Structures are given as structure tokens and as C-alpha cells.
C-alpha atoms as a PDB file:
ATOM      1  CA  MET A   1      25.189-274.918 139.300  1.00  0.00           C
ATOM      2  CA  THR A   2      25.837-278.693 138.708  1.00  0.00           C
ATOM      3  CA  SER A   3      29.263-279.729 137.064  1.00  0.00           C
ATOM      4  CA  GLU A   4      27.675-280.517 133.847  1.00  0.00           C
ATOM      5  CA  THR A   5      25.980-277.342 133.759  1.00  0.00           C
ATOM      6  CA  ARG A   6      29.438-275.568 134.205  1.00  0.00           C
ATOM      7  CA  ARG A   7      31.308-278.013 131.566  1.00  0.00           C
ATOM      8  CA  ASN A   8      28.619-276.612 129.076  1.00  0.00           C
ATOM      9  CA  ILE A   9      29.015-272.866 129.771  1.00  0.00           C
ATOM     10  CA  VAL A  10      32.897-273.799 129.532  1.00  0.00           C
ATOM     11  CA  VAL A  11      32.304-275.426 126.106  1.00  0.00           C
ATOM     12  CA  VAL A  12      29.906-272.738 124.636  1.00  0.00           C
ATOM     13  CA  ALA A  13      32.727-270.148 125.751  1.00  0.00           C
ATOM     14  CA  VAL A  14      35.439-271.739 123.916  1.00  0.00           C
ATOM     15  CA  ALA A  15      33.489-272.078 120.969  1.00  0.00           C
ATOM     16  CA  LEU A  16      32.729-268.454 120.764  1.00  0.00           C
ATOM     17  CA  VAL A  17      36.394-267.750 121.073  1.00  0.00           C
ATOM     18  CA  VAL A  18      37.426-270.165 118.450  1.00  0.00           C
ATOM     19  CA  ALA A  19      34.633-268.780 115.943  1.00  0.00           C
ATOM     20  CA  GLY A  20      35.832-264.960 117.080  1.00  0.00           C
ATOM     21  CA  LEU A  21      39.544-266.193 116.054  1.00  0.00           C
ATOM     22  CA  LEU A  22      38.421-267.718 112.893  1.00  0.00           C
ATOM     23  CA  LEU A  23      36.399-264.867 111.900  1.00  0.00           C
ATOM     24  CA  ALA A  24      39.485-262.422 112.757  1.00  0.00           C
ATOM     25  CA  GLY A  25      41.582-264.722 110.746  1.00  0.00           C
ATOM     26  CA  ALA A  26      39.401-264.768 107.726  1.00  0.00           C
ATOM     27  CA  TYR A  27      39.081-260.925 107.783  1.00  0.00           C
ATOM     28  CA  GLY A  28      43.060-260.807 108.066  1.00  0.00           C
ATOM     29  CA  THR A  29      43.493-262.845 104.993  1.00  0.00           C
ATOM     30  CA  TRP A  30      40.885-260.980 103.068  1.00  0.00           C
ATOM     31  CA  TYR A  31      42.515-257.567 104.045  1.00  0.00           C
ATOM     32  CA  LEU A  32      45.940-258.653 102.911  1.00  0.00           C
ATOM     33  CA  PHE A  33      45.219-260.775 100.048  1.00  0.00           C
ATOM     34  CA  LEU A  34      41.710-260.729  98.554  1.00  0.00           C
ATOM     35  CA  ARG A  35      40.625-256.698  99.024  1.00  0.00           C
ATOM     36  CA  PRO A  36      40.674-255.149  95.891  1.00  0.00           C
ATOM     37  CA  ALA A  37      43.324-252.679  94.459  1.00  0.00           C
ATOM     38  CA  GLY A  38      43.267-249.295  95.639  1.00  0.00           C
ATOM     39  CA  PRO A  39      42.191-246.739  92.916  1.00  0.00           C
ATOM     40  CA  ALA A  40      44.598-245.849  90.395  1.00  0.00           C
ATOM     41  CA  ALA A  41      46.868-242.579  90.464  1.00  0.00           C
ATOM     42  CA  VAL A  42      45.324-239.711  88.977  1.00  0.00           C
ATOM     43  CA  GLY A  43      47.341-238.921  85.640  1.00  0.00           C
ATOM     44  CA  SER A  44      48.000-242.493  85.002  1.00  0.00           C
ATOM     45  CA  THR A  45      45.328-242.281  82.037  1.00  0.00           C
ATOM     46  CA  SER A  46      44.329-239.431  79.957  1.00  0.00           C
ATOM     47  CA  VAL A  47      42.036-236.735  81.578  1.00  0.00           C
ATOM     48  CA  PRO A  48      38.581-238.610  82.078  1.00  0.00           C
ATOM     49  CA  VAL A  49      35.596-237.403  80.090  1.00  0.00           C
ATOM     50  CA  PRO A  50      33.121-236.088  82.563  1.00  0.00           C
ATOM     51  CA  THR A  51      29.628-237.416  82.962  1.00  0.00           C
ATOM     52  CA  LEU A  52      26.570-235.770  84.373  1.00  0.00           C
ATOM     53  CA  ALA A  53      24.593-236.934  87.030  1.00  0.00           C
ATOM     54  CA  PRO A  54      21.080-238.604  86.028  1.00  0.00           C
ATOM     55  CA  ALA A  55      18.983-235.776  87.007  1.00  0.00           C
ATOM     56  CA  ALA A  56      20.950-233.304  84.745  1.00  0.00           C
ATOM     57  CA  SER A  57      19.214-234.840  81.473  1.00  0.00           C
ATOM     58  CA  SER A  58      16.444-232.675  80.373  1.00  0.00           C
ATOM     59  CA  SER A  59      14.545-235.696  78.631  1.00  0.00           C
ATOM     60  CA  PRO A  60      14.430-239.268  78.701  1.00  0.00           C
ATOM     61  CA  GLY A  61      16.589-239.680  76.020  1.00  0.00           C
ATOM     62  CA  ALA A  62      18.797-237.235  76.664  1.00  0.00           C
ATOM     63  CA  SER A  63      22.715-238.183  76.602  1.00  0.00           C
ATOM     64  CA  SER A  64      24.292-238.293  79.934  1.00  0.00           C
ATOM     65  CA  ALA A  65      27.947-237.490  78.584  1.00  0.00           C
ATOM     66  CA  ALA A  66      28.944-234.087  79.235  1.00  0.00           C
ATOM     67  CA  GLY A  67      30.719-233.678  76.131  1.00  0.00           C
ATOM     68  CA  SER A  68      27.547-233.969  74.292  1.00  0.00           C
ATOM     69  CA  SER A  69      26.953-230.488  74.933  1.00  0.00           C
ATOM     70  CA  SER A  70      27.602-227.831  72.620  1.00  0.00           C
ATOM     71  CA  ALA A  71      31.138-226.405  73.217  1.00  0.00           C
ATOM     72  CA  PRO A  72      31.236-222.855  74.255  1.00  0.00           C
ATOM     73  CA  SER A  73      32.705-220.230  71.807  1.00  0.00           C
ATOM     74  CA  THR A  74      36.239-218.982  72.113  1.00  0.00           C
ATOM     75  CA  ASP A  75      34.740-216.155  73.402  1.00  0.00           C
ATOM     76  CA  GLY A  76      32.610-217.919  75.508  1.00  0.00           C
ATOM     77  CA  LEU A  77      35.585-219.594  77.558  1.00  0.00           C
ATOM     78  CA  ASP A  78      36.299-216.311  79.128  1.00  0.00           C
ATOM     79  CA  GLY A  79      34.795-215.555  82.753  1.00  0.00           C
ATOM     80  CA  THR A  80      34.730-217.683  85.759  1.00  0.00           C
ATOM     81  CA  TRP A  81      34.101-221.322  86.160  1.00  0.00           C
ATOM     82  CA  THR A  82      33.483-223.137  89.052  1.00  0.00           C
ATOM     83  CA  VAL A  83      33.830-226.879  90.368  1.00  0.00           C
ATOM     84  CA  ASP A  84      30.630-228.759  89.472  1.00  0.00           C
ATOM     85  CA  THR A  85      30.216-231.387  92.153  1.00  0.00           C
ATOM     86  CA  SER A  86      26.947-232.674  90.706  1.00  0.00           C
ATOM     87  CA  ILE A  87      29.306-234.210  87.955  1.00  0.00           C
ATOM     88  CA  GLY A  88      29.922-237.637  87.960  1.00  0.00           C
ATOM     89  CA  SER A  89      30.084-240.014  91.225  1.00  0.00           C
ATOM     90  CA  PHE A  90      32.165-240.382  94.093  1.00  0.00           C
ATOM     91  CA  ALA A  91      31.532-244.165  94.335  1.00  0.00           C
ATOM     92  CA  ASP A  92      33.486-244.629  91.212  1.00  0.00           C
ATOM     93  CA  PHE A  93      35.611-241.565  91.400  1.00  0.00           C
ATOM     94  CA  SER A  94      34.366-239.996  88.391  1.00  0.00           C
ATOM     95  CA  SER A  95      33.691-237.094  90.175  1.00  0.00           C
ATOM     96  CA  SER A  96      35.527-233.873  91.545  1.00  0.00           C
ATOM     97  CA  PHE A  97      37.992-235.012  94.614  1.00  0.00           C
ATOM     98  CA  VAL A  98      41.078-234.189  96.150  1.00  0.00           C
ATOM     99  CA  GLY A  99      42.847-236.868  97.945  1.00  0.00           C
ATOM    100  CA  TYR A 100      46.616-238.621  99.044  1.00  0.00           C
ATOM    101  CA  ARG A 101      48.670-241.572  98.149  1.00  0.00           C
ATOM    102  CA  VAL A 102      51.080-242.705 100.651  1.00  0.00           C
ATOM    103  CA  GLY A 103      53.132-245.865 100.944  1.00  0.00           C
ATOM    104  CA  GLU A 104      52.874-247.695 104.431  1.00  0.00           C
ATOM    105  CA  THR A 105      53.978-250.824 105.832  1.00  0.00           C
ATOM    106  CA  LEU A 106      51.633-253.178 107.765  1.00  0.00           C
ATOM    107  CA  ALA A 107      52.320-254.830 110.973  1.00  0.00           C
ATOM    108  CA  SER A 108      51.058-258.254 109.138  1.00  0.00           C
ATOM    109  CA  ARG A 109      52.903-258.039 106.198  1.00  0.00           C
ATOM    110  CA  SER A 110      56.313-257.481 105.152  1.00  0.00           C
ATOM    111  CA  THR A 111      55.728-255.663 101.797  1.00  0.00           C
ATOM    112  CA  GLY A 112      54.689-252.294 101.370  1.00  0.00           C
ATOM    113  CA  SER A 113      51.310-251.046 100.195  1.00  0.00           C
ATOM    114  CA  VAL A 114      49.768-247.824  99.090  1.00  0.00           C
ATOM    115  CA  ALA A 115      47.242-246.119 100.982  1.00  0.00           C
ATOM    116  CA  VAL A 116      44.786-243.831  99.152  1.00  0.00           C
ATOM    117  CA  GLY A 117      42.333-241.574 100.740  1.00  0.00           C
ATOM    118  CA  ARG A 118      39.726-239.101  98.929  1.00  0.00           C
ATOM    119  CA  THR A 119      37.199-236.513  99.571  1.00  0.00           C
ATOM    120  CA  PRO A 120      34.557-235.292  97.410  1.00  0.00           C
ATOM    121  CA  ASP A 121      34.136-232.050  99.267  1.00  0.00           C
ATOM    122  CA  VAL A 122      35.627-229.539  97.112  1.00  0.00           C
ATOM    123  CA  SER A 123      34.915-225.956  95.646  1.00  0.00           C
ATOM    124  CA  GLY A 124      36.759-223.094  94.195  1.00  0.00           C
ATOM    125  CA  THR A 125      36.748-221.413  90.916  1.00  0.00           C
ATOM    126  CA  LEU A 126      39.128-220.754  88.054  1.00  0.00           C
ATOM    127  CA  ALA A 127      39.068-217.363  85.636  1.00  0.00           C
ATOM    128  CA  ILE A 128      39.823-217.588  82.146  1.00  0.00           C
ATOM    129  CA  SER A 129      40.729-214.391  79.873  1.00  0.00           C
ATOM    130  CA  GLY A 130      41.958-215.233  76.290  1.00  0.00           C
ATOM    131  CA  THR A 131      44.620-217.830  76.347  1.00  0.00           C
ATOM    132  CA  GLN A 132      45.290-217.621  80.143  1.00  0.00           C
ATOM    133  CA  VAL A 133      43.942-218.626  83.190  1.00  0.00           C
ATOM    134  CA  THR A 134      44.342-215.631  85.426  1.00  0.00           C
ATOM    135  CA  ASP A 135      43.122-216.880  88.623  1.00  0.00           C
ATOM    136  CA  ALA A 136      41.965-220.349  90.708  1.00  0.00           C
ATOM    137  CA  THR A 137      40.884-221.130  94.148  1.00  0.00           C
ATOM    138  CA  ILE A 138      40.492-224.535  95.384  1.00  0.00           C
ATOM    139  CA  GLU A 139      39.614-225.744  98.654  1.00  0.00           C
ATOM    140  CA  ALA A 140      39.263-229.440  99.970  1.00  0.00           C
ATOM    141  CA  ASP A 141      37.489-230.461 103.547  1.00  0.00           C
ATOM    142  CA  LEU A 142      39.924-233.063 104.556  1.00  0.00           C
ATOM    143  CA  THR A 143      37.561-234.068 107.816  1.00  0.00           C
ATOM    144  CA  THR A 144      35.726-236.156 104.933  1.00  0.00           C
ATOM    145  CA  LEU A 145      38.872-238.016 103.588  1.00  0.00           C
ATOM    146  CA  GLU A 146      37.743-241.593 102.991  1.00  0.00           C
ATOM    147  CA  SER A 147      40.053-244.600 102.169  1.00  0.00           C
ATOM    148  CA  ASP A 148      39.685-248.305 102.438  1.00  0.00           C
ATOM    149  CA  ASP A 149      39.892-248.413 106.254  1.00  0.00           C
ATOM    150  CA  ASP A 150      37.934-246.658 108.831  1.00  0.00           C
ATOM    151  CA  ARG A 151      41.031-246.950 111.307  1.00  0.00           C
ATOM    152  CA  ARG A 152      43.220-245.178 108.817  1.00  0.00           C
ATOM    153  CA  ASP A 153      40.701-242.473 108.266  1.00  0.00           C
ATOM    154  CA  GLY A 154      39.942-241.904 112.433  1.00  0.00           C
ATOM    155  CA  GLN A 155      44.141-241.643 112.934  1.00  0.00           C
ATOM    156  CA  LEU A 156      44.229-238.811 110.384  1.00  0.00           C
ATOM    157  CA  ARG A 157      41.691-236.812 112.579  1.00  0.00           C
ATOM    158  CA  GLN A 158      44.025-236.687 115.427  1.00  0.00           C
ATOM    159  CA  ARG A 159      47.431-237.492 114.121  1.00  0.00           C
ATOM    160  CA  GLY A 160      49.329-236.971 110.885  1.00  0.00           C
ATOM    161  CA  ILE A 161      47.672-234.000 109.131  1.00  0.00           C
ATOM    162  CA  GLN A 162      45.313-234.032 112.441  1.00  0.00           C
ATOM    163  CA  THR A 163      42.068-232.516 110.372  1.00  0.00           C
ATOM    164  CA  ASN A 164      40.394-232.020 113.647  1.00  0.00           C
ATOM    165  CA  GLN A 165      42.413-228.556 114.101  1.00  0.00           C
ATOM    166  CA  PHE A 166      43.439-228.166 110.393  1.00  0.00           C
ATOM    167  CA  PRO A 167      40.436-229.203 108.417  1.00  0.00           C
ATOM    168  CA  THR A 168      40.742-227.856 104.892  1.00  0.00           C
ATOM    169  CA  ALA A 169      43.823-227.592 102.267  1.00  0.00           C
ATOM    170  CA  THR A 170      43.918-224.973  99.624  1.00  0.00           C
ATOM    171  CA  PHE A 171      45.711-223.860  96.496  1.00  0.00           C
ATOM    172  CA  LYS A 172      45.592-220.293  94.983  1.00  0.00           C
ATOM    173  CA  LEU A 173      46.966-219.413  91.646  1.00  0.00           C
ATOM    174  CA  THR A 174      49.856-216.996  91.838  1.00  0.00           C
ATOM    175  CA  SER A 175      50.767-215.914  88.385  1.00  0.00           C
ATOM    176  CA  PRO A 176      48.714-216.890  85.108  1.00  0.00           C
ATOM    177  CA  ILE A 177      48.918-220.044  83.188  1.00  0.00           C
ATOM    178  CA  GLU A 178      49.647-219.195  79.657  1.00  0.00           C
ATOM    179  CA  LEU A 179      47.572-221.836  77.224  1.00  0.00           C
ATOM    180  CA  GLY A 180      49.330-220.694  74.119  1.00  0.00           C
ATOM    181  CA  SER A 181      45.795-220.883  72.241  1.00  0.00           C
ATOM    182  CA  VAL A 182      42.282-221.340  72.777  1.00  0.00           C
ATOM    183  CA  PRO A 183      41.766-225.427  73.499  1.00  0.00           C
ATOM    184  CA  SER A 184      39.517-226.604  71.281  1.00  0.00           C
ATOM    185  CA  ASP A 185      36.886-229.349  72.138  1.00  0.00           C
ATOM    186  CA  GLY A 186      37.946-232.433  73.342  1.00  0.00           C
ATOM    187  CA  GLN A 187      41.597-231.063  73.105  1.00  0.00           C
ATOM    188  CA  GLU A 188      44.303-232.223  75.864  1.00  0.00           C
ATOM    189  CA  VAL A 189      46.728-229.516  77.232  1.00  0.00           C
ATOM    190  CA  SER A 190      49.248-230.055  79.689  1.00  0.00           C
ATOM    191  CA  ALA A 191      50.409-226.693  81.920  1.00  0.00           C
ATOM    192  CA  THR A 192      52.075-226.174  85.418  1.00  0.00           C
ATOM    193  CA  ALA A 193      50.254-224.090  88.097  1.00  0.00           C
ATOM    194  CA  ASN A 194      52.397-221.820  90.353  1.00  0.00           C
ATOM    195  CA  GLY A 195      50.967-220.992  93.222  1.00  0.00           C
ATOM    196  CA  GLN A 196      50.385-221.484  97.344  1.00  0.00           C
ATOM    197  CA  PHE A 197      49.526-225.035  98.540  1.00  0.00           C
ATOM    198  CA  THR A 198      48.215-224.864 102.239  1.00  0.00           C
ATOM    199  CA  LEU A 199      48.406-227.821 104.400  1.00  0.00           C
ATOM    200  CA  HIS A 200      48.435-228.410 108.198  1.00  0.00           C
ATOM    201  CA  GLY A 201      48.491-224.850 108.665  1.00  0.00           C
ATOM    202  CA  VAL A 202      51.706-224.300 106.379  1.00  0.00           C
ATOM    203  CA  THR A 203      51.709-222.597 103.209  1.00  0.00           C
ATOM    204  CA  LYS A 204      54.256-223.276 100.264  1.00  0.00           C
ATOM    205  CA  ASP A 205      54.940-221.919  97.251  1.00  0.00           C
ATOM    206  CA  VAL A 206      54.544-225.325  94.647  1.00  0.00           C
ATOM    207  CA  GLN A 207      53.897-225.836  91.220  1.00  0.00           C
ATOM    208  CA  ILE A 208      51.570-228.352  90.125  1.00  0.00           C
ATOM    209  CA  PRO A 209      51.749-230.165  86.839  1.00  0.00           C
ATOM    210  CA  LEU A 210      48.409-230.273  85.365  1.00  0.00           C
ATOM    211  CA  LYS A 211      46.254-231.915  82.525  1.00  0.00           C
ATOM    212  CA  ALA A 212      43.091-230.600  81.313  1.00  0.00           C
ATOM    213  CA  ARG A 213      40.392-231.095  78.834  1.00  0.00           C
ATOM    214  CA  LEU A 214      37.463-228.961  77.235  1.00  0.00           C
ATOM    215  CA  SER A 215      34.492-231.395  77.095  1.00  0.00           C
ATOM    216  CA  GLY A 216      31.416-229.542  75.840  1.00  0.00           C
ATOM    217  CA  ASN A 217      30.898-227.257  78.595  1.00  0.00           C
ATOM    218  CA  VAL A 218      32.737-228.802  81.253  1.00  0.00           C
ATOM    219  CA  ILE A 219      36.631-228.100  82.000  1.00  0.00           C
ATOM    220  CA  ALA A 220      38.138-231.440  83.403  1.00  0.00           C
ATOM    221  CA  VAL A 221      41.251-230.881  85.421  1.00  0.00           C
ATOM    222  CA  THR A 222      43.846-233.493  86.875  1.00  0.00           C
ATOM    223  CA  GLY A 223      46.966-233.102  88.593  1.00  0.00           C
ATOM    224  CA  SER A 224      49.296-234.421  91.264  1.00  0.00           C
ATOM    225  CA  LEU A 225      52.000-232.659  93.815  1.00  0.00           C
ATOM    226  CA  PRO A 226      54.676-234.600  95.628  1.00  0.00           C
ATOM    227  CA  ILE A 227      54.644-233.583  99.077  1.00  0.00           C
ATOM    228  CA  THR A 228      57.533-233.876 101.903  1.00  0.00           C
ATOM    229  CA  PHE A 229      55.654-234.493 105.192  1.00  0.00           C
ATOM    230  CA  ALA A 230      58.112-232.580 107.353  1.00  0.00           C
ATOM    231  CA  ASP A 231      57.601-229.206 105.028  1.00  0.00           C
ATOM    232  CA  TYR A 232      54.124-228.917 106.596  1.00  0.00           C
ATOM    233  CA  GLY A 233      55.145-229.866 110.098  1.00  0.00           C
ATOM    234  CA  VAL A 234      53.184-233.054 109.731  1.00  0.00           C
ATOM    235  CA  GLU A 235      54.523-236.341 111.931  1.00  0.00           C
ATOM    236  CA  ALA A 236      53.219-239.187 110.302  1.00  0.00           C
ATOM    237  CA  PRO A 237      51.037-241.548 112.472  1.00  0.00           C
ATOM    238  CA  SER A 238      52.047-245.094 113.338  1.00  0.00           C
ATOM    239  CA  SER A 239      50.071-247.809 115.452  1.00  0.00           C
ATOM    240  CA  PHE A 240      49.959-251.530 116.223  1.00  0.00           C
ATOM    241  CA  VAL A 241      48.594-251.965 112.448  1.00  0.00           C
ATOM    242  CA  VAL A 242      50.855-249.851 110.826  1.00  0.00           C
ATOM    243  CA  VAL A 243      54.412-250.288 111.462  1.00  0.00           C
ATOM    244  CA  SER A 244      55.800-247.190 109.324  1.00  0.00           C
ATOM    245  CA  ILE A 245      54.543-244.663 106.812  1.00  0.00           C
ATOM    246  CA  ASP A 246      56.798-243.204 104.251  1.00  0.00           C
ATOM    247  CA  ASP A 247      57.905-239.261 105.158  1.00  0.00           C
ATOM    248  CA  HIS A 248      56.697-238.457 101.813  1.00  0.00           C
ATOM    249  CA  GLY A 249      53.491-238.517  99.638  1.00  0.00           C
ATOM    250  CA  THR A 250      51.582-237.199  96.553  1.00  0.00           C
ATOM    251  CA  MET A 251      48.527-234.673  96.879  1.00  0.00           C
ATOM    252  CA  GLU A 252      46.112-235.650  93.779  1.00  0.00           C
ATOM    253  CA  LEU A 253      43.055-233.693  92.183  1.00  0.00           C
ATOM    254  CA  GLN A 254      40.645-234.218  89.563  1.00  0.00           C
ATOM    255  CA  LEU A 255      37.950-231.495  89.181  1.00  0.00           C
ATOM    256  CA  PHE A 256      35.314-230.765  87.086  1.00  0.00           C
ATOM    257  CA  PHE A 257      34.362-227.006  86.103  1.00  0.00           C
ATOM    258  CA  THR A 258      30.842-225.664  84.716  1.00  0.00           C
ATOM    259  CA  LYS A 259      30.723-221.781  83.323  1.00  0.00           C
ATOM    260  CA  SER A 260      29.153-219.737  86.459  1.00  0.00           C
END
């Protein structure tokens, strides 16, 4: 190999290293300053009006708004309602989901940010009798939690809430929710759900403030629950990317139910 050939190889290698550093710097700049803001907290606005998937329309001219369907009669609310994952889209968070919000500090910046992860893989039912919600059970698949960073999602499989070992979170209503009166179509109501929440293999008695709205033949429910990680045996993960994570966070939910 001639000296000129070796020199050319060195030049190419240096150029590749420089290009890699420039790309890494560009990504870092985007991640810190230009990436889109995270989704708004559940409950920061009124309960959303559900939209049906396009396939749910019975004719080309049919409306996609679930609220355009006829509202059930008073007696028609009685019975079992099931989480309907065909409503809305997870891409814009107009569907059912369960998720988390937690403050974190990244190694590359001094100010904190809020990490948000959500999963659309939710199942469950609620039962209504008269002016009461008499039963409710919700289960979320935590193995499909998605945030804006795959590295964070990967950490949660082995550390933190350890979704590989504890793949689900559940809520079970333990006492009826009294609504006072049968909600009318489009009316937003507030209530508190008393029940047992299981996360990371630990079950705790909790009270979850909820908002709900009947929109046609769909009941939309939103709510959030403050969580202290130590109460559930969760150790906040950290890495060279994340300097620290708050010792508390928020579980949030948005669910759409249709009658079974």
C-alpha cells in the first residue's frame, strides 16, 4: 500500500467520523429543541367527543361522529358497556388508551421535561343500573407502552415498572359510583371511582377522579391518578441519557365504551 493510498484512507475515515458527529449533533439539537411537544395531559380539556373508525360508517354519506347516533333511552343505559378500541385513532390519541406522565431530567439539559407513554391495548367493562355504575374492571397491556423515545420504552421492560415481569395494570371498582341522575346526551359529569389499582404486582386502594360524557351510543371516560412509585415497589430507572426521574408520576386514562 502506497503512502498516498494510506493518506486517502485516513482522509475518508476522518470524513466519516466528522459526518457522524455532525449527524449526532443535529439529532441532539432536534431532540432537545425542535421535537414536537408531548401530548396534553388527560383532563386538561373537556371529555372528547368520540369518532368512529371509517369502516364503522354504514354508507358513504354517514357521519363519522359517534355522537351523531341516537342516544340510548334511560332504560337503554342499563347493562354492560365494553371498552371499544375501534373508536378513534391512537396516532392522534383520539382512541382509548392508558398511560403515564413523569418528570425527568436529561443529561444534555439542565431543565426538566415530562415523559409521556401510552398504550392503546386496553380492555374492560362497566355496568350501569339506574343512576349507578355498579361495576367496572379495566386492564391495560403495559408491554405496548409507547413514548417519543424507544430507549425509554426499552428501559421500562427491564427496569422501572418492569413490563416484561409485570405486563399489565388493572383497576377494579369496589363500590358503586352514584351519578345522582341519568346523564342526558352530551352532558359531562364528574365522579370519583373507589377501587383497587394493581401496578408492578402491588395492589392499592385508590380514588380516581373521573369525567364522563354520553355521546350518542358511546360513553367517553377520562381520569388521572397520582402515583408515588415507592408505594408500588417501583425503582425509577436512570441511564447516561437520563440523569434523574421524579419519584412520582401520573397514571392517565381515556376510554370509550359501547354497550355489549
